[in-house]
Protein backbone atom coordinates (compact mmCIF):
# COMPACT_ATOMS: atom_id res chain seq x y z
CA UNK A 1 8.97 -2.01 -2.60
CA UNK A 2 7.21 -1.87 0.76
CA UNK A 3 8.64 -3.08 4.07
CA UNK A 4 6.33 -4.09 6.93
CA UNK A 5 7.95 -4.14 10.38
CA UNK A 6 6.44 -3.70 13.86
CA UNK A 7 3.14 -2.30 12.58
CA UNK A 8 4.75 0.23 10.24
CA UNK A 9 4.85 0.26 6.44
CA UNK A 10 7.62 2.10 4.64
CA UNK A 11 8.69 1.99 1.01
CA UNK A 12 8.76 3.80 -2.26
CA UNK A 13 10.08 4.06 -5.77
CA UNK A 14 11.81 6.68 -7.92
CA UNK A 15 8.98 9.18 -7.49
CA UNK A 16 6.80 8.24 -4.52
CA UNK A 17 7.21 7.38 -0.85
CA UNK A 18 4.75 4.91 0.73
CA UNK A 19 4.06 5.51 4.42
CA UNK A 20 1.53 3.74 6.59
CA UNK A 21 0.69 1.19 9.23
CA UNK A 22 -0.82 -2.24 9.57
CA UNK A 23 -2.34 -4.44 12.26
CA UNK A 24 -2.83 -8.19 12.39
CA UNK A 25 -6.37 -9.21 13.23
CA UNK A 26 -7.39 -12.82 13.91
CA UNK A 27 -8.56 -13.39 10.33
CA UNK A 28 -7.00 -10.53 8.33
CA UNK A 29 -4.38 -7.79 8.07
CA UNK A 30 -5.68 -4.21 8.12
CA UNK A 31 -3.62 -1.58 6.26
CA UNK A 32 -3.71 2.18 5.84
CA UNK A 33 -1.02 3.58 3.54
CA UNK A 34 -0.46 6.97 1.89
CA UNK A 35 1.57 7.90 -1.17
CA UNK A 36 3.60 11.10 -1.23
CA UNK A 37 5.48 12.41 -4.28
CA UNK A 38 9.15 13.25 -3.67
CA UNK A 39 10.28 13.67 -7.30
CA UNK A 40 8.71 16.53 -9.30
CA UNK A 41 9.55 14.93 -12.68
CA UNK A 42 6.20 14.70 -14.56
CA UNK A 43 7.46 11.62 -16.43
CA UNK A 44 6.67 9.62 -13.28
CA UNK A 45 2.91 9.13 -13.38
CA UNK A 46 0.92 8.44 -10.20
CA UNK A 47 -0.99 5.16 -10.06
CA UNK A 48 -4.37 6.81 -9.41
CA UNK A 49 -3.80 10.02 -11.37
CA UNK A 50 -3.09 12.08 -8.26
CA UNK A 51 0.13 12.55 -6.27
CA UNK A 52 -1.31 11.82 -2.83
CA UNK A 53 -3.66 8.95 -2.16
CA UNK A 54 -4.60 7.04 0.98
CA UNK A 55 -5.48 3.37 0.62
CA UNK A 56 -7.32 1.32 3.21
CA UNK A 57 -6.86 -2.39 2.61
CA UNK A 58 -7.84 -5.73 4.10
CA UNK A 59 -5.53 -8.67 3.48
CA UNK A 60 -5.87 -12.41 3.87
CA UNK A 61 -2.94 -14.80 4.00
CA UNK A 62 -2.49 -17.24 1.14
CA UNK A 63 0.64 -19.29 1.87
CA UNK A 64 3.70 -17.04 1.54
CA UNK A 65 1.55 -14.31 -0.03
CA UNK A 66 -1.10 -11.90 1.20
CA UNK A 67 -4.08 -10.97 -1.00
CA UNK A 68 -5.18 -7.37 -0.40
CA UNK A 69 -8.30 -5.54 -1.49
CA UNK A 70 -9.51 -2.08 -0.60
CA UNK A 71 -10.17 1.43 -1.78
CA UNK A 72 -8.71 4.89 -2.05
CA UNK A 73 -10.26 7.50 0.24
CA UNK A 74 -9.87 10.19 -2.43
CA UNK A 75 -11.53 8.09 -5.17
CA UNK A 76 -14.74 6.50 -3.88
CA UNK A 77 -15.85 3.51 -5.94
CA UNK A 78 -12.35 2.68 -7.23
CA UNK A 79 -11.17 -0.73 -6.02
CA UNK A 80 -7.52 -1.57 -5.43
CA UNK A 81 -6.20 -5.15 -5.40
CA UNK A 82 -2.66 -6.37 -4.76
CA UNK A 83 -0.86 -9.61 -3.99
CA UNK A 84 2.24 -9.20 -1.83
CA UNK A 85 4.89 -11.84 -1.28
CA UNK A 86 6.47 -12.19 2.13
CA UNK A 87 10.25 -12.17 2.20
CA UNK A 88 12.56 -12.81 5.14
CA UNK A 89 16.21 -12.28 5.99
């Protein structure tokens, strides 16, 4: 799960923390987010095969969702795509 509040991104799962920032542009959302392992258990596999990765993403709004596409700085040529759903209190 990732929370986006006031330009900051924070989240994680059982093995990794997700830390980054975002900015709203007129036609897109720009994101830079890094993964950091906090659980040494090797049963938890990293998404890109490495424990630390930095993603740069560009998102476009699609109703209540945002479609993101970008790349990992540590793995040139590998594309990352995600669709995130906005939730509110």
